[in-house]
N, C-alpha and C. Protein backbone atom coordinates (compact mmCIF):
# COMPACT_ATOMS: atom_id res chain seq x y z
N MET A 1 3.83 32.98 133.25
CA MET A 1 5.33 32.57 133.03
C MET A 1 6.08 33.53 133.12
N PRO A 2 6.91 33.62 134.36
CA PRO A 2 7.75 34.85 134.58
C PRO A 2 8.94 34.93 133.25
N LEU A 3 9.11 36.20 133.37
CA LEU A 3 10.11 36.51 132.47
C LEU A 3 11.63 35.95 132.71
N ASN A 4 12.47 35.39 132.05
CA ASN A 4 13.62 34.90 132.49
C ASN A 4 14.74 35.75 131.72
N ARG A 5 15.21 36.82 132.55
CA ARG A 5 16.04 37.75 131.98
C ARG A 5 17.18 37.33 131.67
N ARG A 6 17.89 36.19 131.78
CA ARG A 6 19.26 35.44 131.15
C ARG A 6 18.83 34.80 130.11
N ALA A 7 17.76 34.39 129.90
CA ALA A 7 17.48 33.68 128.69
C ALA A 7 16.99 34.67 127.68
N LEU A 8 16.27 36.12 127.83
CA LEU A 8 16.37 37.03 127.03
C LEU A 8 17.69 37.72 126.54
N ILE A 9 18.63 37.94 127.50
CA ILE A 9 19.83 38.42 127.12
C ILE A 9 20.39 37.70 126.06
N ARG A 10 20.60 36.34 126.78
CA ARG A 10 21.69 35.24 125.80
C ARG A 10 20.45 35.40 124.52
N ALA A 11 19.46 35.45 124.44
CA ALA A 11 18.72 35.42 123.12
C ALA A 11 19.00 36.57 122.17
N ILE A 12 19.27 37.83 122.63
CA ILE A 12 19.40 38.75 122.26
C ILE A 12 20.98 39.00 121.70
N VAL A 13 21.79 38.60 122.54
CA VAL A 13 23.20 38.31 122.40
C VAL A 13 23.70 37.56 120.85
N ILE A 14 22.98 36.41 121.06
CA ILE A 14 23.37 35.54 120.07
C ILE A 14 22.70 35.91 118.67
N SER A 15 21.52 36.75 118.75
CA SER A 15 20.80 37.37 117.73
C SER A 15 21.66 38.48 117.05
N ALA A 16 22.04 39.12 118.00
CA ALA A 16 23.30 40.23 117.36
C ALA A 16 24.39 39.72 116.76
N VAL A 17 24.87 38.66 117.18
CA VAL A 17 26.28 37.81 116.79
C VAL A 17 26.08 37.52 115.45
N PHE A 18 24.66 36.81 114.95
CA PHE A 18 24.26 36.35 113.63
C PHE A 18 24.34 37.51 112.68
N VAL A 19 23.48 38.47 113.27
CA VAL A 19 23.20 39.49 112.26
C VAL A 19 24.63 40.46 111.93
N SER A 20 25.55 40.47 113.05
CA SER A 20 26.89 40.98 112.52
C SER A 20 27.46 40.17 111.74
N TRP A 21 27.63 38.98 111.85
CA TRP A 21 28.21 37.65 110.94
C TRP A 21 27.82 38.06 109.47
N ALA A 22 26.56 38.25 109.25
CA ALA A 22 25.96 38.20 108.01
C ALA A 22 26.80 38.48 106.78
N PRO A 23 27.11 39.75 106.80
CA PRO A 23 28.20 40.24 105.66
C PRO A 23 29.58 39.29 105.52
N PHE A 24 30.00 38.72 106.51
CA PHE A 24 31.13 37.80 106.42
C PHE A 24 30.64 36.59 105.83
N ILE A 25 29.66 35.91 106.40
CA ILE A 25 29.05 34.90 105.76
C ILE A 25 28.87 35.00 104.33
N GLY A 26 28.27 36.03 103.96
CA GLY A 26 28.02 36.29 102.54
C GLY A 26 29.28 36.12 101.57
N GLU A 27 30.24 36.91 102.08
CA GLU A 27 31.50 36.92 101.53
C GLU A 27 31.99 35.33 101.55
N ILE A 28 32.08 34.52 102.52
CA ILE A 28 32.50 33.48 102.34
C ILE A 28 31.73 32.33 101.64
N ARG A 29 30.63 32.49 101.49
CA ARG A 29 29.66 31.97 100.33
C ARG A 29 30.09 32.04 99.11
N LEU A 30 30.15 33.52 98.96
CA LEU A 30 30.44 33.97 97.34
C LEU A 30 32.06 33.23 97.13
N ALA A 31 32.89 33.33 97.97
CA ALA A 31 34.24 32.75 97.61
C ALA A 31 33.95 31.10 97.25
N LEU A 32 33.18 30.46 98.28
CA LEU A 32 33.04 29.12 98.00
C LEU A 32 32.39 28.60 96.54
N ARG A 33 31.24 29.63 96.53
CA ARG A 33 30.37 29.42 94.95
C ARG A 33 31.73 29.33 93.85
N ASN A 34 32.42 30.53 94.20
CA ASN A 34 33.23 30.95 93.06
C ASN A 34 34.25 29.59 92.72
N ALA A 35 34.83 29.35 93.82
CA ALA A 35 35.83 28.09 94.03
C ALA A 35 35.35 26.97 93.76
N PHE A 36 34.40 26.59 93.60
CA PHE A 36 33.59 25.26 93.37
C PHE A 36 32.27 25.23 92.75
N PRO A 37 32.14 25.93 91.73
CA PRO A 37 30.82 26.32 91.03
C PRO A 37 29.85 25.32 90.60
N ALA A 38 30.69 23.91 90.10
CA ALA A 38 30.04 22.71 89.80
C ALA A 38 29.32 21.90 91.13
N THR A 39 29.84 22.01 92.16
CA THR A 39 29.44 21.34 93.27
C THR A 39 28.89 21.98 94.56
N PHE A 40 28.97 23.28 94.37
CA PHE A 40 28.45 24.32 95.36
C PHE A 40 26.78 23.83 95.55
N ILE A 41 26.13 24.17 94.99
CA ILE A 41 24.75 23.97 94.85
C ILE A 41 24.26 22.84 95.60
N PRO A 42 24.93 21.48 94.87
CA PRO A 42 24.49 20.21 95.45
C PRO A 42 24.95 19.94 97.09
N ALA A 43 26.09 20.85 97.32
CA ALA A 43 26.78 20.63 98.61
C ALA A 43 25.76 21.53 99.38
N VAL A 44 25.50 22.57 99.11
CA VAL A 44 24.25 23.49 100.07
C VAL A 44 22.85 22.41 100.25
N ALA A 45 22.74 22.02 99.03
CA ALA A 45 21.46 21.37 98.88
C ALA A 45 21.32 20.27 99.91
N THR A 46 22.47 19.36 99.90
CA THR A 46 22.66 18.09 100.89
C THR A 46 22.72 18.58 102.59
N THR A 47 23.59 19.44 102.60
CA THR A 47 23.68 20.07 104.05
C THR A 47 22.18 20.61 104.47
N MET A 48 21.52 21.18 103.76
CA MET A 48 20.20 21.73 104.22
C MET A 48 19.30 20.64 104.34
N ALA A 49 19.36 19.30 103.41
CA ALA A 49 18.44 18.26 103.56
C ALA A 49 18.82 17.63 105.00
N VAL A 50 20.15 17.46 105.14
CA VAL A 50 20.51 16.67 106.79
C VAL A 50 20.04 17.51 107.78
N ALA A 51 20.13 18.76 107.53
CA ALA A 51 19.96 19.43 108.74
C ALA A 51 18.52 19.82 109.00
N ILE A 52 17.45 19.13 107.97
CA ILE A 52 16.36 19.28 108.19
C ILE A 52 15.80 17.60 108.95
N VAL A 53 16.22 16.97 107.71
CA VAL A 53 15.65 15.53 108.15
C VAL A 53 16.29 14.80 109.43
N VAL A 54 17.46 15.19 109.72
CA VAL A 54 17.74 14.78 111.02
C VAL A 54 16.92 15.27 112.17
N PRO A 55 17.03 16.31 112.38
CA PRO A 55 16.20 16.81 113.72
C PRO A 55 14.51 16.31 113.83
N CYS A 56 13.99 16.06 112.65
CA CYS A 56 12.79 15.26 112.24
C CYS A 56 12.84 13.84 112.71
N LEU A 57 13.76 13.41 112.29
CA LEU A 57 13.84 11.91 112.59
C LEU A 57 14.01 11.58 114.23
N ILE A 58 14.80 12.57 114.86
CA ILE A 58 14.74 12.59 116.19
C ILE A 58 13.79 12.93 117.20
N VAL A 59 12.87 13.88 116.32
CA VAL A 59 11.86 14.75 116.87
C VAL A 59 10.94 13.22 117.08
N LEU A 60 10.44 12.58 115.76
CA LEU A 60 9.80 11.43 115.30
C LEU A 60 9.92 10.08 116.53
N TYR A 61 11.22 9.97 116.57
CA TYR A 61 11.72 9.06 117.78
C TYR A 61 11.09 9.33 119.06
N ARG A 62 11.47 10.50 119.51
CA ARG A 62 11.30 10.81 120.95
C ARG A 62 9.67 11.21 121.15
N ILE A 63 8.67 11.09 120.32
CA ILE A 63 7.50 11.42 120.80
C ILE A 63 6.94 10.06 121.43
N ARG A 64 6.34 10.43 122.79
CA ARG A 64 5.89 9.53 123.25
C ARG A 64 4.26 9.49 123.92
N THR A 65 3.68 10.74 124.11
CA THR A 65 2.74 11.10 124.52
C THR A 65 1.74 12.08 123.49
N ARG A 66 0.47 11.79 123.09
CA ARG A 66 -0.25 12.66 122.37
C ARG A 66 0.43 12.52 120.81
N ARG A 67 0.63 11.17 120.55
CA ARG A 67 1.17 11.05 119.15
C ARG A 67 0.47 11.76 118.19
N LEU A 68 -0.82 11.54 117.98
CA LEU A 68 -1.74 12.06 117.22
C LEU A 68 -1.54 13.41 116.60
N LEU A 69 -1.88 14.26 117.60
CA LEU A 69 -1.56 15.42 117.71
C LEU A 69 -0.29 16.13 117.35
N ARG A 70 1.00 15.71 117.87
CA ARG A 70 2.30 15.97 117.58
C ARG A 70 2.18 15.38 116.17
N TYR A 71 2.19 14.28 115.86
CA TYR A 71 2.75 13.94 114.44
C TYR A 71 1.99 14.82 113.34
N SER A 72 0.37 15.08 113.59
CA SER A 72 -0.03 15.74 113.11
C SER A 72 0.26 17.21 112.71
N SER A 73 0.97 17.85 114.04
CA SER A 73 1.53 19.05 113.75
C SER A 73 2.68 19.13 113.05
N ILE A 74 3.46 18.18 113.06
CA ILE A 74 5.05 17.92 112.14
C ILE A 74 4.71 18.06 110.88
N ALA A 75 3.44 17.19 110.45
CA ALA A 75 3.10 16.94 108.96
C ALA A 75 2.52 18.21 108.36
N ALA A 76 1.81 19.07 109.04
CA ALA A 76 1.32 20.34 108.86
C ALA A 76 2.18 21.38 108.60
N ALA A 77 3.35 21.15 109.70
CA ALA A 77 4.42 22.07 109.26
C ALA A 77 5.36 21.67 108.01
N LEU A 78 5.58 20.64 107.74
CA LEU A 78 6.63 19.87 106.84
C LEU A 78 5.52 20.24 105.17
N THR A 79 4.17 20.27 105.68
CA THR A 79 3.52 20.63 104.28
C THR A 79 3.69 22.05 104.10
N ALA A 80 3.37 22.92 105.00
CA ALA A 80 3.39 24.18 104.83
C ALA A 80 4.81 24.71 104.05
N VAL A 81 5.98 24.13 104.64
CA VAL A 81 7.38 24.34 104.24
C VAL A 81 7.38 23.95 102.51
N VAL A 82 6.58 22.89 102.17
CA VAL A 82 6.73 22.31 100.66
C VAL A 82 6.21 23.33 100.03
N VAL A 83 4.58 23.60 100.55
CA VAL A 83 3.81 24.43 99.89
C VAL A 83 4.69 25.98 99.30
N TYR A 84 5.16 26.42 100.50
CA TYR A 84 5.96 27.71 100.31
C TYR A 84 7.20 27.53 99.33
N TRP A 85 7.71 26.58 99.61
CA TRP A 85 8.90 26.04 98.61
C TRP A 85 8.13 26.15 96.98
N LEU A 86 7.32 25.49 96.62
CA LEU A 86 6.61 25.33 95.51
C LEU A 86 6.15 26.84 94.91
N THR A 87 5.51 27.60 95.98
CA THR A 87 5.20 28.76 95.25
C THR A 87 6.42 29.84 95.17
N MET A 88 7.36 29.80 95.95
CA MET A 88 8.40 30.61 95.70
C MET A 88 9.55 30.30 94.79
N ARG A 89 9.28 29.34 94.11
CA ARG A 89 10.41 28.94 93.16
C ARG A 89 10.54 29.80 91.78
């Protein structure tokens, strides 16, 4: 598979943007947490749940071939996430 230089450069630029914005995102998160202390955690948890569940449902809907392998891979990945979450609590 040949190296796609444009894709590599695009990935590097996007990564650099995310890394450079990290301090500002931390400040925004802190300001939101201080402004809405009672609802911040449920709002973030709901946002994360939607960000995980919606793509999973789309992927499950779009699987047409090699279903057993693909469903098993998704199940294994989700199981790994849950095990990691439970051990890191």
